[in-house]
Amino acid sequence: MNSSPFQIVLVDPEIPPNTGNIARTCAATGTPLHLVGALGFQLSDKYLKRAGLDYWEHVNLHYHPDFASFRQQSQSRLVFTSARRGQPVWDFTFAPGDCLVFGSESQGLPADLLDSAENIVTIPIFGAVRSLNLANAVAVILFEGLRQLRPRQ
């Protein structure tokens, strides 16, 4: 696989190692990564770099100061994610070009984005845990989309 049919969008990410691990997943799958809004770190942060290892040169990285700026650049379908509401990820039908949108580790996505969203997916949780780590959630949802769109033989 040379490039992914998806894009990952992180809104207000806070924790450098999470973003670094997500960047590594994006490098492994050829998925563009968009960082949107206030970052809880500098892009030069050593923990961010360490988590991404030496794969940063393989990440198609974009920064947007706010969500409106991101939307001006991308007209793709948005698939928002939430720990508390939405369609189970395995029941959702992904399409090439989808932007998978994730919120910050502590707050998730802003209510105004979710309240106006047409597509919201969630990862069902069966235990006593409130949610998965952001980097894990990105991997689960991205790979479900890739599974759905994999070439059939």
N, C-alpha and C. Protein backbone atom coordinates (compact mmCIF):
# COMPACT_ATOMS: atom_id res chain seq x y z
N MET A 1 0.85 -1.18 0.00
CA MET A 1 0.00 0.00 0.00
C MET A 1 0.90 1.24 0.00
N ASN A 2 0.74 2.10 -0.98
CA ASN A 2 1.56 3.30 -1.06
C ASN A 2 0.92 4.49 -0.37
N SER A 3 -0.38 4.60 -0.46
CA SER A 3 -1.04 5.71 0.20
C SER A 3 -2.42 5.28 0.66
N SER A 4 -2.84 5.91 1.71
CA SER A 4 -4.12 5.59 2.33
C SER A 4 -5.25 6.36 1.65
N PRO A 5 -6.44 5.80 1.63
CA PRO A 5 -7.59 6.54 1.11
C PRO A 5 -8.16 7.52 2.13
N PHE A 6 -7.54 7.62 3.31
CA PHE A 6 -8.05 8.44 4.40
C PHE A 6 -7.07 9.55 4.77
N GLN A 7 -7.56 10.46 5.60
CA GLN A 7 -6.73 11.48 6.23
C GLN A 7 -7.08 11.47 7.71
N ILE A 8 -6.08 11.67 8.56
CA ILE A 8 -6.30 11.77 10.01
C ILE A 8 -6.24 13.24 10.37
N VAL A 9 -7.21 13.68 11.18
CA VAL A 9 -7.29 15.07 11.63
C VAL A 9 -7.33 15.05 13.16
N LEU A 10 -6.34 15.68 13.80
CA LEU A 10 -6.31 15.79 15.26
C LEU A 10 -6.61 17.23 15.63
N VAL A 11 -7.69 17.45 16.37
CA VAL A 11 -8.09 18.78 16.80
C VAL A 11 -7.61 19.00 18.23
N ASP A 12 -6.76 19.99 18.42
CA ASP A 12 -6.21 20.37 19.73
C ASP A 12 -5.52 19.21 20.46
N PRO A 13 -4.64 18.47 19.80
CA PRO A 13 -3.96 17.38 20.51
C PRO A 13 -3.10 17.92 21.65
N GLU A 14 -3.04 17.17 22.75
CA GLU A 14 -2.37 17.67 23.95
C GLU A 14 -1.10 16.92 24.33
N ILE A 15 -1.02 15.65 24.03
CA ILE A 15 0.04 14.81 24.57
C ILE A 15 1.02 14.41 23.46
N PRO A 16 2.26 14.89 23.56
CA PRO A 16 3.24 14.64 22.49
C PRO A 16 3.41 13.17 22.11
N PRO A 17 3.56 12.24 23.06
CA PRO A 17 3.75 10.85 22.63
C PRO A 17 2.55 10.28 21.86
N ASN A 18 1.34 10.71 22.18
CA ASN A 18 0.18 10.25 21.41
C ASN A 18 0.29 10.71 19.96
N THR A 19 0.58 11.99 19.77
CA THR A 19 0.70 12.51 18.41
C THR A 19 1.86 11.86 17.68
N GLY A 20 2.96 11.61 18.38
CA GLY A 20 4.09 10.91 17.77
C GLY A 20 3.72 9.51 17.33
N ASN A 21 2.99 8.79 18.17
CA ASN A 21 2.56 7.44 17.79
C ASN A 21 1.57 7.47 16.64
N ILE A 22 0.70 8.46 16.62
CA ILE A 22 -0.25 8.60 15.50
C ILE A 22 0.52 8.92 14.22
N ALA A 23 1.52 9.77 14.32
CA ALA A 23 2.34 10.09 13.14
C ALA A 23 3.02 8.82 12.61
N ARG A 24 3.47 7.97 13.51
CA ARG A 24 4.11 6.71 13.10
C ARG A 24 3.09 5.82 12.36
N THR A 25 1.87 5.75 12.88
CA THR A 25 0.81 4.99 12.21
C THR A 25 0.53 5.59 10.83
N CYS A 26 0.50 6.91 10.74
CA CYS A 26 0.28 7.57 9.45
C CYS A 26 1.41 7.26 8.48
N ALA A 27 2.65 7.26 8.96
CA ALA A 27 3.78 6.91 8.10
C ALA A 27 3.66 5.48 7.61
N ALA A 28 3.21 4.58 8.48
CA ALA A 28 3.10 3.16 8.13
C ALA A 28 2.00 2.90 7.11
N THR A 29 1.00 3.77 7.06
CA THR A 29 -0.15 3.54 6.18
C THR A 29 -0.23 4.54 5.03
N GLY A 30 0.69 5.49 4.97
CA GLY A 30 0.63 6.51 3.92
C GLY A 30 -0.54 7.45 4.09
N THR A 31 -0.93 7.69 5.33
CA THR A 31 -2.09 8.53 5.63
C THR A 31 -1.65 9.94 5.99
N PRO A 32 -2.14 10.98 5.29
CA PRO A 32 -1.83 12.35 5.68
C PRO A 32 -2.34 12.65 7.10
N LEU A 33 -1.57 13.46 7.82
CA LEU A 33 -1.91 13.85 9.19
C LEU A 33 -2.08 15.36 9.25
N HIS A 34 -3.25 15.79 9.74
CA HIS A 34 -3.55 17.21 9.91
C HIS A 34 -3.63 17.51 11.40
N LEU A 35 -2.83 18.46 11.87
CA LEU A 35 -2.91 18.95 13.24
C LEU A 35 -3.64 20.28 13.19
N VAL A 36 -4.70 20.40 13.98
CA VAL A 36 -5.59 21.56 13.91
C VAL A 36 -5.70 22.22 15.27
N GLY A 37 -5.56 23.55 15.29
CA GLY A 37 -5.81 24.30 16.52
C GLY A 37 -4.62 24.35 17.45
N ALA A 38 -4.94 24.53 18.72
CA ALA A 38 -3.91 24.65 19.76
C ALA A 38 -3.25 23.31 20.01
N LEU A 39 -1.93 23.29 19.93
CA LEU A 39 -1.19 22.07 20.22
C LEU A 39 -0.68 22.16 21.66
N GLY A 40 -0.75 21.05 22.38
CA GLY A 40 -0.26 21.02 23.76
C GLY A 40 1.24 20.79 23.81
N PHE A 41 1.95 21.10 22.74
CA PHE A 41 3.37 20.85 22.63
C PHE A 41 3.91 21.62 21.44
N GLN A 42 5.22 21.67 21.32
CA GLN A 42 5.88 22.23 20.15
C GLN A 42 6.18 21.09 19.19
N LEU A 43 6.17 21.34 17.91
CA LEU A 43 6.49 20.29 16.94
C LEU A 43 7.94 19.81 17.10
N SER A 44 8.75 20.56 17.81
CA SER A 44 10.13 20.15 18.06
C SER A 44 10.26 19.36 19.35
N ASP A 45 9.16 19.11 20.06
CA ASP A 45 9.18 18.42 21.35
C ASP A 45 9.90 17.07 21.26
N LYS A 46 10.81 16.81 22.19
CA LYS A 46 11.60 15.58 22.13
C LYS A 46 10.73 14.34 22.33
N TYR A 47 9.65 14.44 23.11
CA TYR A 47 8.78 13.28 23.32
C TYR A 47 7.95 12.98 22.07
N LEU A 48 7.56 14.03 21.37
CA LEU A 48 6.86 13.87 20.10
C LEU A 48 7.78 13.18 19.09
N LYS A 49 8.99 13.67 18.99
CA LYS A 49 9.96 13.09 18.05
C LYS A 49 10.29 11.65 18.42
N ARG A 50 10.48 11.39 19.73
CA ARG A 50 10.85 10.04 20.17
C ARG A 50 9.74 9.05 19.84
N ALA A 51 8.48 9.43 20.06
CA ALA A 51 7.37 8.51 19.78
C ALA A 51 7.24 8.24 18.29
N GLY A 52 7.55 9.22 17.46
CA GLY A 52 7.49 9.04 16.01
C GLY A 52 8.73 8.38 15.44
N LEU A 53 9.73 8.19 16.31
CA LEU A 53 11.01 7.61 15.92
C LEU A 53 11.58 8.36 14.72
N ASP A 54 12.16 7.63 13.82
CA ASP A 54 12.77 8.29 12.67
C ASP A 54 11.86 8.28 11.44
N TYR A 55 10.55 8.22 11.69
CA TYR A 55 9.58 8.14 10.59
C TYR A 55 9.00 9.49 10.19
N TRP A 56 9.38 10.56 10.89
CA TRP A 56 8.77 11.85 10.62
C TRP A 56 8.93 12.28 9.17
N GLU A 57 10.04 11.95 8.55
CA GLU A 57 10.24 12.35 7.15
C GLU A 57 9.26 11.67 6.21
N HIS A 58 8.59 10.61 6.69
CA HIS A 58 7.63 9.87 5.88
C HIS A 58 6.18 10.26 6.18
N VAL A 59 5.99 11.27 7.02
CA VAL A 59 4.65 11.72 7.38
C VAL A 59 4.28 12.93 6.53
N ASN A 60 3.13 12.85 5.89
CA ASN A 60 2.58 13.97 5.12
C ASN A 60 1.83 14.84 6.12
N LEU A 61 2.55 15.77 6.76
CA LEU A 61 2.06 16.54 7.90
C LEU A 61 1.60 17.93 7.47
N HIS A 62 0.43 18.31 8.00
CA HIS A 62 -0.14 19.63 7.73
C HIS A 62 -0.58 20.25 9.05
N TYR A 63 -0.42 21.58 9.17
CA TYR A 63 -0.91 22.28 10.36
C TYR A 63 -1.91 23.34 9.92
N HIS A 64 -3.01 23.44 10.67
CA HIS A 64 -4.05 24.45 10.43
C HIS A 64 -4.34 25.14 11.75
N PRO A 65 -4.37 26.46 11.77
CA PRO A 65 -4.55 27.18 13.04
C PRO A 65 -5.92 26.95 13.69
N ASP A 66 -6.92 26.61 12.89
CA ASP A 66 -8.25 26.35 13.45
C ASP A 66 -9.03 25.45 12.49
N PHE A 67 -10.19 24.98 12.94
CA PHE A 67 -10.96 24.03 12.14
C PHE A 67 -11.49 24.68 10.85
N ALA A 68 -11.85 25.95 10.92
CA ALA A 68 -12.33 26.65 9.72
C ALA A 68 -11.25 26.67 8.64
N SER A 69 -10.01 26.88 9.03
CA SER A 69 -8.90 26.87 8.07
C SER A 69 -8.74 25.49 7.45
N PHE A 70 -8.87 24.45 8.27
CA PHE A 70 -8.80 23.09 7.73
C PHE A 70 -9.92 22.86 6.72
N ARG A 71 -11.14 23.28 7.04
CA ARG A 71 -12.29 23.06 6.15
C ARG A 71 -12.12 23.81 4.84
N GLN A 72 -11.48 24.97 4.86
CA GLN A 72 -11.24 25.70 3.61
C GLN A 72 -10.31 24.91 2.70
N GLN A 73 -9.41 24.14 3.30
CA GLN A 73 -8.44 23.37 2.52
C GLN A 73 -9.01 22.04 2.05
N SER A 74 -9.95 21.47 2.81
CA SER A 74 -10.45 20.13 2.50
C SER A 74 -11.97 20.12 2.38
N GLN A 75 -12.44 19.57 1.28
CA GLN A 75 -13.88 19.43 1.08
C GLN A 75 -14.32 17.97 1.24
N SER A 76 -13.43 17.14 1.76
CA SER A 76 -13.72 15.72 1.94
C SER A 76 -14.80 15.50 2.99
N ARG A 77 -15.42 14.32 2.94
CA ARG A 77 -16.41 13.96 3.95
C ARG A 77 -15.71 13.83 5.30
N LEU A 78 -16.35 14.38 6.33
CA LEU A 78 -15.81 14.30 7.68
C LEU A 78 -16.47 13.17 8.44
N VAL A 79 -15.66 12.36 9.10
CA VAL A 79 -16.15 11.31 9.99
C VAL A 79 -15.61 11.66 11.36
N PHE A 80 -16.50 12.17 12.20
CA PHE A 80 -16.10 12.57 13.55
C PHE A 80 -16.10 11.36 14.47
N THR A 81 -15.32 11.45 15.53
CA THR A 81 -15.22 10.35 16.49
C THR A 81 -15.60 10.84 17.87
N SER A 82 -16.17 9.94 18.64
CA SER A 82 -16.57 10.29 20.00
C SER A 82 -16.50 9.05 20.88
N ALA A 83 -16.11 9.24 22.12
CA ALA A 83 -16.09 8.13 23.08
C ALA A 83 -17.50 7.88 23.62
N ARG A 84 -18.42 8.82 23.44
CA ARG A 84 -19.71 8.72 24.10
C ARG A 84 -20.93 8.60 23.19
N ARG A 85 -20.76 8.89 21.91
CA ARG A 85 -21.92 8.78 21.02
C ARG A 85 -21.46 8.47 19.61
N GLY A 86 -22.41 8.00 18.82
CA GLY A 86 -22.12 7.70 17.44
C GLY A 86 -22.41 6.26 17.10
N GLN A 87 -22.26 5.97 15.84
CA GLN A 87 -22.48 4.63 15.31
C GLN A 87 -21.24 3.78 15.60
N PRO A 88 -21.43 2.54 16.02
CA PRO A 88 -20.25 1.67 16.21
C PRO A 88 -19.39 1.65 14.94
N VAL A 89 -18.09 1.77 15.11
CA VAL A 89 -17.18 1.90 13.98
C VAL A 89 -17.34 0.77 12.98
N TRP A 90 -17.65 -0.44 13.44
CA TRP A 90 -17.77 -1.57 12.52
C TRP A 90 -19.09 -1.58 11.76
N ASP A 91 -20.05 -0.72 12.13
CA ASP A 91 -21.31 -0.60 11.40
C ASP A 91 -21.30 0.56 10.41
N PHE A 92 -20.28 1.37 10.44
CA PHE A 92 -20.17 2.54 9.58
C PHE A 92 -19.52 2.14 8.26
N THR A 93 -20.00 2.71 7.16
CA THR A 93 -19.41 2.43 5.85
C THR A 93 -18.48 3.58 5.47
N PHE A 94 -17.19 3.29 5.48
CA PHE A 94 -16.19 4.29 5.12
C PHE A 94 -16.10 4.41 3.61
N ALA A 95 -15.62 5.58 3.17
CA ALA A 95 -15.46 5.84 1.74
C ALA A 95 -14.08 6.43 1.49
N PRO A 96 -13.51 6.19 0.31
CA PRO A 96 -12.22 6.80 -0.01
C PRO A 96 -12.30 8.33 0.13
N GLY A 97 -11.28 8.89 0.71
CA GLY A 97 -11.23 10.34 0.89
C GLY A 97 -11.72 10.82 2.24
N ASP A 98 -12.32 9.94 3.04
CA ASP A 98 -12.83 10.36 4.35
C ASP A 98 -11.73 10.96 5.22
N CYS A 99 -12.08 12.05 5.91
CA CYS A 99 -11.22 12.63 6.93
C CYS A 99 -11.72 12.12 8.28
N LEU A 100 -10.88 11.41 9.01
CA LEU A 100 -11.23 10.86 10.30
C LEU A 100 -10.79 11.87 11.35
N VAL A 101 -11.76 12.46 12.06
CA VAL A 101 -11.51 13.61 12.93
C VAL A 101 -11.58 13.20 14.39
N PHE A 102 -10.50 13.49 15.12
CA PHE A 102 -10.37 13.12 16.53
C PHE A 102 -10.13 14.37 17.36
N GLY A 103 -10.67 14.38 18.58
CA GLY A 103 -10.49 15.50 19.48
C GLY A 103 -9.34 15.30 20.44
N SER A 104 -9.20 16.25 21.33
CA SER A 104 -8.10 16.21 22.30
C SER A 104 -8.30 15.07 23.30
N GLU A 105 -7.20 14.70 23.94
CA GLU A 105 -7.22 13.60 24.90
C GLU A 105 -8.14 13.87 26.09
N SER A 106 -8.18 15.10 26.56
CA SER A 106 -8.97 15.38 27.78
C SER A 106 -10.40 15.82 27.50
N GLN A 107 -10.66 16.41 26.34
CA GLN A 107 -11.98 16.97 26.07
C GLN A 107 -12.72 16.32 24.91
N GLY A 108 -12.03 15.59 24.05
CA GLY A 108 -12.67 15.09 22.84
C GLY A 108 -12.92 16.25 21.89
N LEU A 109 -13.83 16.05 20.97
CA LEU A 109 -14.17 17.10 20.01
C LEU A 109 -15.13 18.10 20.64
N PRO A 110 -15.05 19.37 20.24
CA PRO A 110 -15.99 20.37 20.75
C PRO A 110 -17.43 20.01 20.41
N ALA A 111 -18.34 20.31 21.33
CA ALA A 111 -19.76 19.99 21.15
C ALA A 111 -20.33 20.59 19.88
N ASP A 112 -19.91 21.81 19.51
CA ASP A 112 -20.48 22.44 18.31
C ASP A 112 -20.13 21.65 17.05
N LEU A 113 -18.96 21.02 17.01
CA LEU A 113 -18.63 20.19 15.85
C LEU A 113 -19.47 18.91 15.84
N LEU A 114 -19.59 18.27 16.99
CA LEU A 114 -20.36 17.02 17.04
C LEU A 114 -21.84 17.26 16.82
N ASP A 115 -22.37 18.37 17.37
CA ASP A 115 -23.80 18.64 17.25
C ASP A 115 -24.23 18.87 15.80
N SER A 116 -23.31 19.33 14.96
CA SER A 116 -23.65 19.58 13.55
C SER A 116 -23.14 18.47 12.63
N ALA A 117 -22.58 17.42 13.19
CA ALA A 117 -21.97 16.36 12.39
C ALA A 117 -23.00 15.42 11.79
N GLU A 118 -22.78 15.03 10.55
CA GLU A 118 -23.61 14.02 9.90
C GLU A 118 -23.12 12.61 10.21
N ASN A 119 -21.81 12.47 10.40
CA ASN A 119 -21.21 11.15 10.60
C ASN A 119 -20.39 11.15 11.89
N ILE A 120 -20.80 10.35 12.85
CA ILE A 120 -20.06 10.18 14.09
C ILE A 120 -19.91 8.69 14.34
N VAL A 121 -18.66 8.28 14.61
CA VAL A 121 -18.42 6.89 14.95
C VAL A 121 -17.84 6.80 16.36
N THR A 122 -18.05 5.64 16.95
CA THR A 122 -17.51 5.37 18.28
C THR A 122 -16.93 3.96 18.30
N ILE A 123 -16.00 3.75 19.19
CA ILE A 123 -15.47 2.42 19.43
C ILE A 123 -16.19 1.89 20.66
N PRO A 124 -17.01 0.87 20.51
CA PRO A 124 -17.72 0.34 21.69
C PRO A 124 -16.72 -0.15 22.75
N ILE A 125 -17.02 0.19 23.98
CA ILE A 125 -16.20 -0.22 25.13
C ILE A 125 -17.06 -1.13 25.99
N PHE A 126 -16.56 -2.29 26.31
CA PHE A 126 -17.34 -3.28 27.05
C PHE A 126 -16.95 -3.39 28.51
N GLY A 127 -15.88 -2.76 28.93
CA GLY A 127 -15.42 -2.86 30.31
C GLY A 127 -15.67 -1.57 31.06
N ALA A 128 -14.95 -1.41 32.15
CA ALA A 128 -15.13 -0.26 33.04
C ALA A 128 -14.34 0.97 32.58
N VAL A 129 -13.69 0.90 31.44
CA VAL A 129 -12.86 1.99 30.93
C VAL A 129 -13.75 3.00 30.19
N ARG A 130 -13.49 4.31 30.37
CA ARG A 130 -14.28 5.35 29.70
C ARG A 130 -13.97 5.45 28.21
N SER A 131 -12.69 5.28 27.86
CA SER A 131 -12.29 5.44 26.47
C SER A 131 -10.90 4.83 26.28
N LEU A 132 -10.52 4.68 25.01
CA LEU A 132 -9.18 4.22 24.68
C LEU A 132 -8.23 5.41 24.57
N ASN A 133 -6.95 5.14 24.69
CA ASN A 133 -5.92 6.13 24.43
C ASN A 133 -6.10 6.64 22.99
N LEU A 134 -5.86 7.92 22.78
CA LEU A 134 -6.08 8.53 21.46
C LEU A 134 -5.32 7.80 20.36
N ALA A 135 -4.06 7.47 20.58
CA ALA A 135 -3.29 6.79 19.54
C ALA A 135 -3.90 5.43 19.21
N ASN A 136 -4.39 4.73 20.22
CA ASN A 136 -5.05 3.44 19.97
C ASN A 136 -6.36 3.63 19.22
N ALA A 137 -7.12 4.64 19.59
CA ALA A 137 -8.40 4.90 18.91
C ALA A 137 -8.18 5.23 17.43
N VAL A 138 -7.17 6.05 17.14
CA VAL A 138 -6.86 6.37 15.76
C VAL A 138 -6.54 5.09 14.98
N ALA A 139 -5.71 4.24 15.57
CA ALA A 139 -5.33 3.00 14.89
C ALA A 139 -6.53 2.10 14.65
N VAL A 140 -7.39 1.93 15.66
CA VAL A 140 -8.56 1.07 15.51
C VAL A 140 -9.46 1.57 14.38
N ILE A 141 -9.77 2.85 14.38
CA ILE A 141 -10.70 3.39 13.39
C ILE A 141 -10.07 3.43 12.00
N LEU A 142 -8.82 3.85 11.91
CA LEU A 142 -8.14 3.87 10.61
C LEU A 142 -8.07 2.47 10.01
N PHE A 143 -7.68 1.50 10.80
CA PHE A 143 -7.54 0.15 10.25
C PHE A 143 -8.89 -0.51 9.95
N GLU A 144 -9.94 -0.12 10.65
CA GLU A 144 -11.28 -0.61 10.24
C GLU A 144 -11.63 -0.04 8.88
N GLY A 145 -11.36 1.23 8.66
CA GLY A 145 -11.61 1.82 7.34
C GLY A 145 -10.77 1.15 6.26
N LEU A 146 -9.50 0.92 6.55
CA LEU A 146 -8.64 0.25 5.57
C LEU A 146 -9.11 -1.17 5.32
N ARG A 147 -9.57 -1.86 6.35
CA ARG A 147 -10.09 -3.22 6.19
C ARG A 147 -11.28 -3.20 5.22
N GLN A 148 -12.18 -2.24 5.42
CA GLN A 148 -13.36 -2.16 4.56
C GLN A 148 -13.01 -1.88 3.11
N LEU A 149 -11.99 -1.07 2.87
CA LEU A 149 -11.67 -0.63 1.51
C LEU A 149 -10.55 -1.42 0.88
N ARG A 150 -10.06 -2.45 1.56
CA ARG A 150 -8.93 -3.22 1.00
C ARG A 150 -9.32 -3.80 -0.36
N PRO A 151 -8.34 -3.89 -1.22
CA PRO A 151 -8.63 -4.47 -2.54
C PRO A 151 -9.08 -5.93 -2.39
N ARG A 152 -10.11 -6.27 -3.08
CA ARG A 152 -10.61 -7.65 -3.07
C ARG A 152 -9.93 -8.42 -4.19
N GLN A 153 -9.64 -9.69 -3.93
CA GLN A 153 -9.00 -10.50 -4.98
C GLN A 153 -9.81 -11.70 -5.30
